[in-house]
Amino acid sequence: MHVVTTAGHGGHGKSALVRALTGRRPGETGAWTELPSGRRVAFVDAPGDERSVPDMLAVAAPASAVLLAVAADEGWMPQTREHLDALGALGVRFGVLAVTKADAADPKPALRQIRERLAGTALRGAEAVAVSAETGAGTAELAAALDRLAGRLPVPDPAAPVRLWADRAFTAGRQTVIAGTLAAGTVAVGDELLLMPAGERVRVRTIGCADEPRDSVGGVSRVVLTLRDAGRVEAGMALVTPGAWTHTTSVDVRTRFGEASGRLARRMTLHIGSAAVAVGLRPLGPDTARLTLNTRLALHLGDIGLLRDPERRSIAGVSVLDVRPPTLVRRGAGAARARELATWPDRPDGAVVLRRHGVLRRSELSLMGCAPPAGAVALNGEWVADPAHWRSLFERLAEETSRHAAASPSAPGIPMEAVRLRLGLPSRELVAALVRPPLRLDAGRVYGPAAGRVYGPAAGPAPAPAAEPAPTAVAATPPPPWAAAVGAVRAALADAPFEPPSAGRLEELGLTGDTLAGAERAGAVLRIDDGLVLLPGADREALRVLSGLPQPFTPAQAGDALGTGRDVAVALLRHLDRLGLTERRQGENRLNREG
């Protein structure tokens, strides 16, 4: 079965057409007909008045095609234009034109007008039929045109993950009924789905399609599902396959239709599926923007939606480029992000995504709607890496181990956790996967190449030892009183940069009172709280690590990512908050976005 939405100015006979074709009122979920070839098509009727544009968008977005109606006696109207713009922004490319009320006026002038208005749009080549629902003239020809249209529509993947947008819903007692258009995938009785945005698990009790009970149904279909104990369900919610979508409140998008991103209002409504979500918009480049949503949506890369400003009645089509966008906290980060997104296609694939993130789990790619690219480096079955990024990590690790061995010849190996933090890797198992000759892993430490050799793409023979300098009569400057203590702290923090020495250890080293204050003034240490001392730059390194977490995050999640305890993580977050780099809301933290 295919699903066709109606569009056109109010009073131009859309509902009458659906009644003539199906024998049912358009508002009924079972408004469908069998076409001459035996194909079935269901109709969702979009209201045509000016105030009902959101309702029209709710039913039009998941549909396969459009039946655009223009009355012969009135011709093209403003609401027809608004519906056409919305369809263009939503990427609707298939349709049939119906010149209605052909018994009331000659349809030829209206048809010429329609062809002029559709020139340059995706519907410019759509088949047109003059029809009268009053007399029945042209109804058979319209059904035949819809049949030819249905034969050209893409066939959806029955194995695709399910996302059923509810455009009608009601609850009676413990039973909930929802109706919507299943665009792809398959739903079966007994399936467990997630009800978004809450993410609650619900089970499908019954399925109805084309007035028949079904054990299962595939897209594209107009379906009615009953659920039990689903709680509050409203139009605009979605039922989705668990573990198959990214649930997000922040996306980067490309504007594909309408005004440039910089001219759009900073507060708009995003229409995607049957949902209408308030969003904050931050322009990035001429055709890219960051959207912050006021609720979670289940999205994939390449999803198409429409931004609408109800006050100005302006719209813009958008395609989702990133469902896990990076935080923008540094000066110039927005401009750099715009340059990066300018090179991306409207539907990024696994190669683009992996190049952006470097290393990901296969399941993370799947959540974004991507497959691992053919050239990806497979790691331990679960992980994949971008080849260039993986080579770069190996070269960095070789340099780190050589540098560490030169600085600490008595303990030349770097602990795996320290390597993980320095390279920004999400798991220690990736450190183990990265190690290969001439590097080696022994007892939880990574050792570099042989002493005296620098390993890397530009490495050459070790330089000859420099001649000993001649003695000088100038007396050496005495080290500051805190130098030895800071050296001991630096050695202790080399392997665990976010595990500060205890107060007792600082006292034992003499790094307290005026001595500690002097070291802090000299920039030799970073004091994040009373008795908590780290090395300079630890706060910026922490910010880099925390930028890889899903936003917002808890102090416990921050502690896990940094390899430290909750108390230290809280103190570090407070320090970052004082610098204006993070903010705390309702027990959770997030990195501030660049203003």
Protein backbone atom coordinates (compact mmCIF):
# COMPACT_ATOMS: atom_id res chain seq x y z
CA MET A 1 0.00 0.00 0.00
CA HIS A 2 1.12 3.56 -0.73
CA VAL A 3 0.04 6.65 1.16
CA VAL A 4 -0.88 9.91 -0.59
CA THR A 5 -1.52 13.22 1.15
CA THR A 6 -3.87 15.83 -0.23
CA ALA A 7 -2.83 19.48 -0.58
CA GLY A 8 -4.41 22.64 -1.88
CA HIS A 9 -6.50 25.66 -0.94
CA GLY A 10 -9.47 25.21 1.40
CA GLY A 11 -12.72 24.58 -0.47
CA HIS A 12 -11.04 23.27 -3.62
CA GLY A 13 -12.55 19.82 -3.24
CA LYS A 14 -9.79 17.69 -1.71
CA SER A 15 -12.09 15.92 0.72
CA ALA A 16 -14.72 15.40 -1.97
CA LEU A 17 -12.08 13.76 -4.17
CA VAL A 18 -11.11 11.34 -1.40
CA ARG A 19 -14.78 10.48 -0.84
CA ALA A 20 -15.27 9.91 -4.57
CA LEU A 21 -12.23 7.62 -4.75
CA THR A 22 -12.70 5.65 -1.52
CA GLY A 23 -16.34 6.04 -0.51
CA ARG A 24 -15.18 7.19 2.93
CA ARG A 25 -14.75 10.43 4.80
CA PRO A 26 -11.11 11.61 4.61
CA GLY A 27 -10.79 11.88 8.37
CA GLU A 28 -11.29 8.15 8.75
CA THR A 29 -8.07 6.18 9.15
CA GLY A 30 -9.33 3.64 6.62
CA ALA A 31 -9.74 6.04 3.67
CA TRP A 32 -8.20 3.81 1.00
CA THR A 33 -9.01 2.36 -2.40
CA GLU A 34 -7.89 -0.40 -4.71
CA LEU A 35 -6.54 0.92 -8.00
CA PRO A 36 -7.14 -0.71 -11.42
CA SER A 37 -3.90 -2.72 -11.22
CA GLY A 38 -4.79 -4.09 -7.80
CA ARG A 39 -2.41 -1.75 -5.99
CA ARG A 40 -3.84 -0.10 -2.90
CA VAL A 41 -3.47 3.54 -1.94
CA ALA A 42 -4.51 5.26 1.30
CA PHE A 43 -5.23 8.98 1.63
CA VAL A 44 -4.56 11.41 4.44
CA ASP A 45 -6.46 14.62 3.94
CA ALA A 46 -4.65 17.85 4.85
CA PRO A 47 -6.74 20.84 5.96
CA GLY A 48 -6.60 23.69 3.48
CA ASP A 49 -7.24 26.79 5.58
CA GLU A 50 -4.46 29.16 6.58
CA ARG A 51 -4.52 28.22 10.28
CA SER A 52 -4.11 24.51 9.58
CA VAL A 53 -0.67 24.51 7.96
CA PRO A 54 0.86 22.63 10.96
CA ASP A 55 -1.81 19.92 10.56
CA MET A 56 -1.06 19.69 6.84
CA LEU A 57 2.65 19.29 7.59
CA ALA A 58 1.95 16.57 10.18
CA VAL A 59 0.26 14.31 7.64
CA ALA A 60 2.29 15.29 4.56
CA ALA A 61 5.80 14.59 5.87
CA PRO A 62 5.62 10.76 6.14
CA ALA A 63 3.48 10.28 3.00
CA SER A 64 4.79 8.83 -0.28
CA ALA A 65 3.27 11.38 -2.66
CA VAL A 66 0.76 14.23 -2.99
CA LEU A 67 -2.59 14.75 -4.68
CA LEU A 68 -2.59 18.51 -5.35
CA ALA A 69 -6.05 19.96 -5.94
CA VAL A 70 -6.79 23.29 -7.67
CA ALA A 71 -10.38 24.31 -8.41
CA ALA A 72 -11.21 25.15 -12.04
CA ASP A 73 -13.45 28.06 -11.01
CA GLU A 74 -10.90 29.77 -8.70
CA GLY A 75 -7.49 28.70 -9.95
CA TRP A 76 -4.26 29.14 -8.03
CA MET A 77 -4.68 30.56 -4.49
CA PRO A 78 -2.27 31.73 -1.75
CA GLN A 79 -2.80 28.60 0.33
CA THR A 80 -1.97 26.46 -2.70
CA ARG A 81 1.37 28.25 -2.93
CA GLU A 82 2.07 27.76 0.79
CA HIS A 83 1.28 24.06 0.55
CA LEU A 84 3.50 23.73 -2.54
CA ASP A 85 6.40 25.48 -0.78
CA ALA A 86 5.99 23.18 2.22
CA LEU A 87 6.00 20.10 0.00
CA GLY A 88 9.13 21.34 -1.75
CA ALA A 89 10.86 21.93 1.57
CA LEU A 90 9.89 18.42 2.72
CA GLY A 91 11.38 16.93 -0.45
CA VAL A 92 8.11 15.53 -1.87
CA ARG A 93 8.91 14.64 -5.51
CA PHE A 94 5.93 12.56 -6.64
CA GLY A 95 2.35 13.63 -7.23
CA VAL A 96 -0.76 13.93 -9.35
CA LEU A 97 -2.53 17.23 -10.13
CA ALA A 98 -6.31 17.33 -9.95
CA VAL A 99 -8.16 20.26 -11.53
CA THR A 100 -11.35 19.96 -9.48
CA LYS A 101 -14.86 21.30 -10.02
CA ALA A 102 -14.46 20.76 -13.76
CA ASP A 103 -18.27 20.91 -13.99
CA ALA A 104 -18.29 24.50 -12.68
CA ALA A 105 -15.74 26.05 -15.11
CA ASP A 106 -13.47 25.25 -18.03
CA PRO A 107 -10.44 23.49 -16.46
CA LYS A 108 -7.98 24.52 -19.22
CA PRO A 109 -7.13 28.03 -17.90
CA ALA A 110 -6.56 26.66 -14.41
CA LEU A 111 -4.38 23.87 -15.82
CA ARG A 112 -2.22 26.38 -17.74
CA GLN A 113 -1.86 28.43 -14.55
CA ILE A 114 -0.85 25.34 -12.57
CA ARG A 115 1.81 24.39 -15.11
CA GLU A 116 3.30 27.90 -14.91
CA ARG A 117 3.40 27.81 -11.11
CA LEU A 118 4.93 24.33 -10.97
CA ALA A 119 7.73 25.13 -13.44
CA GLY A 120 11.05 24.76 -11.64
CA THR A 121 9.60 22.56 -8.88
CA ALA A 122 9.87 18.79 -8.36
CA LEU A 123 6.20 18.45 -9.42
CA ARG A 124 6.63 20.17 -12.78
CA GLY A 125 6.16 16.91 -14.70
CA ALA A 126 3.28 15.55 -12.61
CA GLU A 127 0.32 14.11 -14.51
CA ALA A 128 -2.81 16.30 -14.47
CA VAL A 129 -6.46 15.24 -14.58
CA ALA A 130 -9.63 17.34 -14.78
CA VAL A 131 -12.25 15.88 -12.45
CA SER A 132 -15.64 16.60 -10.92
CA ALA A 133 -16.50 14.90 -7.66
CA GLU A 134 -20.06 16.17 -8.14
CA THR A 135 -20.73 14.38 -11.44
CA GLY A 136 -18.03 11.71 -11.25
CA ALA A 137 -16.47 12.86 -14.52
CA GLY A 138 -12.70 12.18 -14.57
CA THR A 139 -12.75 10.00 -11.43
CA ALA A 140 -11.70 6.88 -13.36
CA GLU A 141 -8.96 8.84 -15.13
CA LEU A 142 -7.74 10.14 -11.75
CA ALA A 143 -7.61 6.61 -10.34
CA ALA A 144 -5.60 5.48 -13.38
CA ALA A 145 -3.17 8.40 -12.93
CA LEU A 146 -2.73 7.47 -9.25
CA ASP A 147 -2.12 3.88 -10.31
CA ARG A 148 0.68 4.94 -12.68
CA LEU A 149 2.11 7.13 -9.91
CA ALA A 150 2.08 4.23 -7.43
CA GLY A 151 4.02 2.11 -9.91
CA ARG A 152 6.85 4.69 -9.92
CA LEU A 153 7.15 5.17 -6.15
CA PRO A 154 10.26 3.82 -4.40
CA VAL A 155 9.85 0.54 -2.54
CA PRO A 156 10.86 0.95 1.13
CA ASP A 157 13.13 -1.49 2.95
CA PRO A 158 11.03 -3.93 5.03
CA ALA A 159 14.05 -4.54 7.30
CA ALA A 160 14.60 -0.84 8.03
CA PRO A 161 14.21 0.35 11.64
CA VAL A 162 10.68 1.48 12.46
CA ARG A 163 9.74 5.08 13.13
CA LEU A 164 5.97 5.55 13.12
CA TRP A 165 4.91 9.16 13.63
CA ALA A 166 1.48 9.38 15.27
CA ASP A 167 -0.79 11.94 13.61
CA ARG A 168 -3.86 10.76 15.55
CA ALA A 169 -3.98 9.27 19.06
CA PHE A 170 -6.42 8.68 21.90
CA THR A 171 -6.53 6.67 25.12
CA ALA A 172 -9.51 4.83 26.57
CA GLY A 173 -8.82 3.26 29.94
CA ARG A 174 -5.62 1.24 29.69
CA GLN A 175 -5.74 1.02 25.90
CA THR A 176 -4.18 3.54 23.54
CA VAL A 177 -4.90 3.80 19.82
CA ILE A 178 -2.55 5.60 17.45
CA ALA A 179 -2.78 6.11 13.71
CA GLY A 180 0.04 7.07 11.41
CA THR A 181 1.95 6.40 8.23
CA LEU A 182 4.58 3.66 8.44
CA ALA A 183 7.19 4.84 5.95
CA ALA A 184 9.56 1.85 6.13
CA GLY A 185 10.32 -1.24 8.17
CA THR A 186 7.88 -3.80 9.56
CA VAL A 187 5.70 -3.82 12.68
CA ALA A 188 4.33 -7.07 14.11
CA VAL A 189 1.92 -7.87 16.91
CA GLY A 190 3.93 -8.32 20.10
CA ASP A 191 6.78 -6.03 19.01
CA GLU A 192 8.31 -3.88 21.71
CA LEU A 193 8.86 -0.27 20.60
CA LEU A 194 9.97 2.94 22.27
CA LEU A 195 7.45 5.75 22.62
CA MET A 196 9.33 8.98 22.03
CA PRO A 197 10.17 11.50 23.40
CA ALA A 198 9.86 9.78 26.80
CA GLY A 199 11.60 6.62 25.62
CA GLU A 200 9.11 4.36 27.42
CA ARG A 201 8.86 0.77 26.17
CA VAL A 202 5.44 -0.24 24.87
CA ARG A 203 4.13 -3.41 23.22
CA VAL A 204 1.95 -3.63 20.11
CA ARG A 205 -1.29 -5.48 20.90
CA THR A 206 -3.16 -5.23 17.58
CA ILE A 207 -2.54 -3.88 14.08
CA GLY A 208 -5.12 -2.64 11.59
CA CYS A 209 -4.48 -1.75 7.96
CA ALA A 210 -7.02 -1.24 5.15
CA ASP A 211 -9.89 -2.28 7.43
CA GLU A 212 -8.25 -5.61 8.19
CA PRO A 213 -6.53 -6.96 11.30
CA ARG A 214 -2.92 -7.87 10.58
CA ASP A 215 -0.26 -9.89 12.35
CA SER A 216 2.37 -7.65 10.74
CA VAL A 217 2.52 -4.79 8.28
CA GLY A 218 5.34 -3.18 6.28
CA GLY A 219 5.84 0.31 4.92
CA VAL A 220 4.57 2.26 3.19
CA SER A 221 1.22 1.73 4.93
CA ARG A 222 -1.47 3.60 6.75
CA VAL A 223 -1.77 1.73 10.07
CA VAL A 224 -3.71 1.77 13.32
CA LEU A 225 -1.98 0.27 16.36
CA THR A 226 -3.34 -0.43 19.84
CA LEU A 227 -1.03 -0.37 22.84
CA ARG A 228 -1.65 -1.26 26.46
CA ASP A 229 -0.60 0.85 29.45
CA ALA A 230 1.23 3.32 27.22
CA GLY A 231 0.34 6.34 29.38
CA ARG A 232 -0.22 9.71 27.77
CA VAL A 233 0.07 9.57 23.99
CA GLU A 234 -0.42 12.55 21.68
CA ALA A 235 -0.13 13.32 18.01
CA GLY A 236 3.46 14.18 17.20
CA MET A 237 4.94 11.36 19.25
CA ALA A 238 6.74 8.49 17.55
CA LEU A 239 7.08 4.74 18.00
CA VAL A 240 10.61 3.61 17.14
CA THR A 241 12.71 0.47 17.10
CA PRO A 242 14.82 0.33 20.28
CA GLY A 243 18.54 0.80 19.76
CA ALA A 244 18.18 1.95 16.17
CA TRP A 245 17.93 5.76 16.39
CA THR A 246 19.86 8.58 17.99
CA HIS A 247 17.75 10.33 20.63
CA THR A 248 18.95 13.90 20.51
CA THR A 249 18.15 17.47 21.48
CA SER A 250 20.81 19.11 19.31
CA VAL A 251 21.44 18.77 15.57
CA ASP A 252 23.40 20.49 12.83
CA VAL A 253 21.38 20.96 9.64
CA ARG A 254 21.67 22.24 6.10
CA THR A 255 18.96 24.61 4.88
CA ARG A 256 17.91 23.37 1.46
CA PHE A 257 14.93 25.53 0.57
CA GLY A 258 13.79 29.04 1.45
CA GLU A 259 15.84 31.72 3.18
CA ALA A 260 19.54 31.60 4.09
CA SER A 261 20.23 30.48 7.65
CA GLY A 262 21.38 33.94 8.76
CA ARG A 263 18.03 35.47 7.78
CA LEU A 264 15.94 32.96 9.69
CA ALA A 265 14.38 33.77 13.06
CA ARG A 266 16.33 32.59 16.10
CA ARG A 267 13.23 30.83 17.46
CA MET A 268 11.30 28.64 15.02
CA THR A 269 9.24 25.47 14.87
CA LEU A 270 10.76 22.32 13.41
CA HIS A 271 8.25 20.07 11.63
CA ILE A 272 9.59 16.56 11.16
CA GLY A 273 7.28 13.62 10.70
CA SER A 274 4.13 14.59 12.58
CA ALA A 275 6.11 16.39 15.31
CA ALA A 276 6.18 20.17 15.72
CA VAL A 277 9.06 21.10 18.04
CA ALA A 278 10.17 24.54 19.19
CA VAL A 279 13.85 25.08 18.41
CA GLY A 280 16.54 27.65 18.99
CA LEU A 281 18.54 28.37 15.83
CA ARG A 282 22.17 29.42 15.63
CA PRO A 283 23.43 30.18 12.11
CA LEU A 284 26.80 28.61 11.27
CA GLY A 285 27.39 29.13 7.54
CA PRO A 286 25.21 30.55 4.74
CA ASP A 287 23.27 27.26 4.52
CA THR A 288 24.09 25.53 7.83
CA ALA A 289 22.78 26.01 11.37
CA ARG A 290 22.75 24.46 14.85
CA LEU A 291 19.25 23.63 16.17
CA THR A 292 18.63 23.15 19.90
CA LEU A 293 15.35 21.26 20.37
CA ASN A 294 13.03 21.61 23.35
CA THR A 295 12.42 17.83 23.38
CA ARG A 296 14.20 14.66 22.30
CA LEU A 297 13.64 13.32 18.81
CA ALA A 298 14.66 9.98 17.32
CA LEU A 299 16.67 10.94 14.23
CA HIS A 300 19.05 9.66 11.56
CA LEU A 301 21.48 11.56 9.39
CA GLY A 302 19.76 12.76 6.22
CA ASP A 303 16.33 13.13 7.85
CA ILE A 304 14.35 15.91 6.19
CA GLY A 305 12.26 18.47 8.02
CA LEU A 306 10.88 21.96 7.70
CA LEU A 307 11.51 25.07 9.79
CA ARG A 308 8.56 27.46 10.03
CA ASP A 309 8.16 30.88 11.58
CA PRO A 310 4.39 31.22 12.17
CA GLU A 311 4.60 35.00 12.63
CA ARG A 312 6.44 35.78 9.39
CA ARG A 313 5.00 32.70 7.63
CA SER A 314 8.50 31.97 6.35
CA ILE A 315 9.82 28.42 5.91
CA ALA A 316 13.06 26.62 5.20
CA GLY A 317 13.64 22.97 4.40
CA VAL A 318 16.41 21.31 6.37
CA SER A 319 18.34 18.06 6.14
CA VAL A 320 20.02 16.66 9.25
CA LEU A 321 23.82 16.58 8.93
CA ASP A 322 24.86 15.60 12.47
CA VAL A 323 22.84 14.14 15.33
CA ARG A 324 25.84 14.27 17.71
CA PRO A 325 27.30 17.71 16.98
CA PRO A 326 30.39 18.90 18.85
CA THR A 327 30.13 21.61 21.48
CA LEU A 328 31.27 25.04 20.31
CA VAL A 329 33.15 26.58 23.22
CA ARG A 330 36.30 28.09 21.75
CA ARG A 331 36.52 31.35 19.88
CA GLY A 332 36.05 30.72 16.18
CA ALA A 333 34.57 27.23 16.74
CA GLY A 334 31.32 28.16 14.96
CA ALA A 335 33.13 29.35 11.85
CA ALA A 336 35.36 26.27 11.83
CA ARG A 337 32.30 24.06 12.12
CA ALA A 338 30.64 25.85 9.21
CA ARG A 339 33.71 25.21 7.03
CA GLU A 340 33.63 21.52 7.97
CA LEU A 341 29.91 21.13 7.26
CA ALA A 342 30.27 22.91 3.91
CA THR A 343 32.15 19.84 2.63
CA TRP A 344 29.48 17.37 3.75
CA PRO A 345 26.69 16.02 1.51
CA ASP A 346 23.03 16.45 2.52
CA ARG A 347 23.01 12.83 3.65
CA PRO A 348 26.38 12.05 5.26
CA ASP A 349 27.49 8.42 5.02
CA GLY A 350 29.61 6.29 7.33
CA ALA A 351 32.88 7.55 5.82
CA VAL A 352 32.00 11.18 6.59
CA VAL A 353 30.84 10.35 10.11
CA LEU A 354 33.89 8.23 10.92
CA ARG A 355 36.21 10.92 9.60
CA ARG A 356 34.46 13.35 11.95
CA HIS A 357 34.64 11.16 15.09
CA GLY A 358 37.79 9.17 14.38
CA VAL A 359 36.76 6.04 16.29
CA LEU A 360 33.22 4.73 16.88
CA ARG A 361 31.39 1.58 17.82
CA ARG A 362 29.52 -0.07 14.97
CA SER A 363 26.35 0.37 17.01
CA GLU A 364 26.97 4.13 17.21
CA LEU A 365 27.11 4.34 13.42
CA SER A 366 23.90 2.32 13.24
CA LEU A 367 22.18 4.73 15.66
CA MET A 368 22.99 7.54 13.23
CA GLY A 369 21.62 5.56 10.27
CA CYS A 370 25.01 4.72 8.75
CA ALA A 371 26.94 1.57 7.88
CA PRO A 372 30.71 1.26 8.48
CA PRO A 373 32.57 2.35 5.33
CA ALA A 374 34.45 -0.25 3.33
CA GLY A 375 37.89 1.17 4.16
CA ALA A 376 37.37 1.45 7.92
CA VAL A 377 39.90 -0.15 10.27
CA ALA A 378 38.11 -2.97 12.13
CA LEU A 379 39.10 -3.15 15.81
CA ASN A 380 38.12 -6.03 18.10
CA GLY A 381 34.87 -6.59 16.25
CA GLU A 382 32.99 -3.80 18.06
CA TRP A 383 34.97 -0.71 17.04
CA VAL A 384 35.89 0.83 13.69
CA ALA A 385 38.31 3.68 12.99
CA ASP A 386 39.00 6.12 10.20
CA PRO A 387 42.28 4.95 8.59
CA ALA A 388 43.96 8.37 8.57
CA HIS A 389 42.96 9.05 12.17
CA TRP A 390 44.22 5.63 13.29
CA ARG A 391 47.61 6.24 11.64
CA SER A 392 47.80 9.63 13.32
CA LEU A 393 47.05 8.11 16.73
CA PHE A 394 49.80 5.54 16.28
CA GLU A 395 52.34 8.23 15.37
CA ARG A 396 51.29 10.32 18.39
CA LEU A 397 51.59 7.31 20.68
CA ALA A 398 55.07 6.53 19.37
CA GLU A 399 56.12 10.12 20.02
CA GLU A 400 54.55 10.12 23.50
CA THR A 401 56.32 6.91 24.53
CA SER A 402 59.69 8.15 23.23
CA ARG A 403 59.28 11.47 25.06
CA HIS A 404 58.21 9.75 28.26
CA ALA A 405 61.11 7.28 28.16
CA ALA A 406 63.59 10.13 27.72
CA ALA A 407 62.09 12.07 30.64
CA SER A 408 61.66 9.04 32.96
CA PRO A 409 64.33 6.47 32.06
CA SER A 410 63.70 4.58 35.31
CA ALA A 411 60.00 4.09 34.41
CA PRO A 412 59.82 4.29 30.60
CA GLY A 413 56.34 2.79 30.13
CA ILE A 414 53.12 4.87 30.10
CA PRO A 415 50.08 3.38 31.88
CA MET A 416 47.22 2.48 29.53
CA GLU A 417 44.80 4.87 31.24
CA ALA A 418 47.22 7.77 30.81
CA VAL A 419 47.54 6.87 27.11
CA ARG A 420 43.76 6.72 26.76
CA LEU A 421 43.36 10.20 28.23
CA ARG A 422 46.19 11.75 26.23
CA LEU A 423 44.88 10.36 22.93
CA GLY A 424 41.23 11.00 23.75
CA LEU A 425 40.23 7.37 23.23
CA PRO A 426 36.92 6.16 24.70
CA SER A 427 38.19 2.73 25.83
CA ARG A 428 41.39 1.09 27.06
CA GLU A 429 40.85 -1.79 24.64
CA LEU A 430 41.52 0.69 21.84
CA VAL A 431 44.90 1.47 23.39
CA ALA A 432 45.75 -2.22 23.24
CA ALA A 433 44.56 -2.38 19.62
CA LEU A 434 46.75 0.61 18.74
CA VAL A 435 49.98 -0.90 20.05
CA ARG A 436 52.09 -2.70 17.43
CA PRO A 437 55.84 -2.99 16.80
CA PRO A 438 58.03 -1.17 17.51
CA LEU A 439 55.70 -0.34 20.44
CA ARG A 440 54.83 -2.99 22.98
CA LEU A 441 52.37 -3.50 25.83
CA ASP A 442 53.61 -5.09 29.04
CA ALA A 443 51.86 -5.29 32.44
CA GLY A 444 49.43 -2.51 31.62
CA ARG A 445 52.08 -0.08 30.32
CA VAL A 446 52.96 0.97 26.78
CA TYR A 447 56.65 1.05 25.91
CA GLY A 448 58.17 2.88 22.99
CA PRO A 449 60.94 2.09 20.51
CA ALA A 450 64.50 1.46 21.60
CA ALA A 451 66.16 4.26 23.51
CA GLY A 452 67.91 6.90 21.44
CA ARG A 453 65.50 6.56 18.51
CA VAL A 454 62.65 8.83 17.69
CA TYR A 455 59.87 6.98 15.84
CA GLY A 456 57.70 8.74 13.31
CA PRO A 457 57.24 9.38 9.63
CA ALA A 458 60.05 11.93 9.57
CA ALA A 459 62.39 10.10 11.92
CA GLY A 460 66.05 9.96 10.94
CA PRO A 461 69.22 8.78 12.65
CA ALA A 462 69.71 9.92 16.21
CA PRO A 463 71.76 13.13 16.35
CA ALA A 464 75.30 12.96 17.61
CA PRO A 465 75.66 13.96 21.28
CA ALA A 466 76.46 17.62 21.69
CA ALA A 467 79.84 18.60 23.02
CA GLU A 468 79.96 19.40 26.73
CA PRO A 469 79.74 23.13 27.30
CA ALA A 470 82.76 24.81 28.70
CA PRO A 471 82.59 25.69 32.41
CA THR A 472 81.44 29.20 33.14
CA ALA A 473 82.21 31.45 36.03
CA VAL A 474 78.63 32.71 36.27
CA ALA A 475 76.89 31.33 39.35
CA ALA A 476 73.74 29.31 38.70
CA THR A 477 70.42 30.89 39.74
CA PRO A 478 69.10 29.03 42.79
CA PRO A 479 65.85 27.19 42.12
CA PRO A 480 62.68 28.55 43.74
CA PRO A 481 61.73 26.99 47.07
CA TRP A 482 58.86 25.07 45.54
CA ALA A 483 60.81 23.55 42.59
CA ALA A 484 61.57 20.14 44.13
CA ALA A 485 58.03 19.73 45.45
CA VAL A 486 56.47 20.69 42.10
CA GLY A 487 58.80 18.23 40.37
CA ALA A 488 57.51 15.45 42.62
CA VAL A 489 53.90 16.45 41.93
CA ARG A 490 54.59 16.56 38.21
CA ALA A 491 56.02 13.04 38.29
CA ALA A 492 53.00 11.76 40.26
CA LEU A 493 50.50 13.37 37.86
CA ALA A 494 52.23 12.21 34.68
CA ASP A 495 50.38 8.90 34.74
CA ALA A 496 47.11 10.13 36.27
CA PRO A 497 46.66 13.82 35.38
CA PHE A 498 43.35 14.18 37.27
CA GLU A 499 44.33 12.39 40.51
CA PRO A 500 45.72 15.21 42.72
CA PRO A 501 48.09 14.37 45.58
CA SER A 502 46.45 14.14 48.97
CA ALA A 503 46.69 16.95 51.52
CA GLY A 504 49.05 14.76 53.55
CA ARG A 505 51.33 14.26 50.55
CA LEU A 506 51.40 18.01 49.84
CA GLU A 507 52.34 18.68 53.46
CA GLU A 508 55.03 16.01 53.28
CA LEU A 509 56.47 17.75 50.21
CA GLY A 510 56.24 21.15 51.85
CA LEU A 511 53.89 22.43 49.15
CA THR A 512 51.56 24.35 51.47
CA GLY A 513 50.95 27.93 52.57
CA ASP A 514 53.22 30.54 51.02
CA THR A 515 55.20 27.91 49.11
CA LEU A 516 52.09 26.65 47.36
CA ALA A 517 50.92 30.21 46.74
CA GLY A 518 54.28 31.05 45.17
CA ALA A 519 54.13 28.01 42.88
CA GLU A 520 50.58 28.98 41.88
CA ARG A 521 51.60 32.59 41.11
CA ALA A 522 54.45 31.31 38.98
CA GLY A 523 52.05 29.12 37.00
CA ALA A 524 53.82 25.95 38.08
CA VAL A 525 50.66 24.37 39.49
CA LEU A 526 46.88 24.75 39.08
CA ARG A 527 44.90 24.91 42.32
CA ILE A 528 41.25 24.04 41.54
CA ASP A 529 40.15 24.05 45.20
CA ASP A 530 41.62 24.09 48.68
CA GLY A 531 44.00 21.16 48.90
CA LEU A 532 43.41 20.06 45.27
CA VAL A 533 46.45 20.69 43.07
CA LEU A 534 46.87 19.71 39.40
CA LEU A 535 49.32 20.64 36.68
CA PRO A 536 48.86 23.76 34.52
CA GLY A 537 46.60 23.06 31.55
CA ALA A 538 44.72 20.24 33.31
CA ASP A 539 41.50 22.26 33.11
CA ARG A 540 41.80 22.65 29.34
CA GLU A 541 42.63 18.96 28.94
CA ALA A 542 39.57 18.13 31.08
CA LEU A 543 37.45 20.34 28.84
CA ARG A 544 38.67 18.42 25.80
CA VAL A 545 37.82 15.07 27.39
CA LEU A 546 34.40 16.27 28.59
CA SER A 547 33.54 17.57 25.13
CA GLY A 548 33.38 13.95 24.02
CA LEU A 549 30.60 13.12 26.49
CA PRO A 550 26.89 13.28 25.60
CA GLN A 551 25.57 16.63 26.82
CA PRO A 552 24.48 17.15 29.56
CA PHE A 553 26.49 14.85 31.85
CA THR A 554 26.62 14.11 35.57
CA PRO A 555 29.65 14.55 37.88
CA ALA A 556 29.89 10.77 38.10
CA GLN A 557 30.10 10.51 34.30
CA ALA A 558 32.73 13.26 34.30
CA GLY A 559 34.73 11.37 36.92
CA ASP A 560 34.63 8.17 34.89
CA ALA A 561 35.74 9.98 31.73
CA LEU A 562 38.60 11.73 33.54
CA GLY A 563 39.69 8.67 35.52
CA THR A 564 39.20 10.33 38.90
CA GLY A 565 36.83 10.35 41.86
CA ARG A 566 33.54 12.21 42.07
CA ASP A 567 34.86 14.78 44.59
CA VAL A 568 37.70 15.80 42.29
CA ALA A 569 35.35 15.84 39.28
CA VAL A 570 32.93 18.16 41.15
CA ALA A 571 35.76 20.50 42.12
CA LEU A 572 37.05 20.54 38.55
CA LEU A 573 33.56 21.24 37.17
CA ARG A 574 33.16 24.12 39.63
CA HIS A 575 36.50 25.49 38.45
CA LEU A 576 35.40 25.26 34.80
CA ASP A 577 32.08 26.85 35.75
CA ARG A 578 33.93 29.82 37.31
CA LEU A 579 35.78 30.21 34.01
CA GLY A 580 32.43 30.25 32.18
CA LEU A 581 33.24 27.05 30.27
CA THR A 582 30.52 24.86 31.77
CA GLU A 583 27.15 25.41 33.38
CA ARG A 584 25.18 23.39 35.92
CA ARG A 585 21.43 22.80 35.70
CA GLN A 586 19.36 20.49 37.89
CA GLY A 587 22.26 18.29 38.93
CA GLU A 588 23.71 17.95 35.43
CA ASN A 589 26.50 19.80 33.66
CA ARG A 590 27.01 20.80 30.07
CA LEU A 591 29.72 22.66 28.19
CA ASN A 592 28.78 26.21 27.34
CA ARG A 593 28.30 26.95 23.65
CA GLU A 594 30.18 29.79 22.10
CA GLY A 595 28.01 32.89 22.13
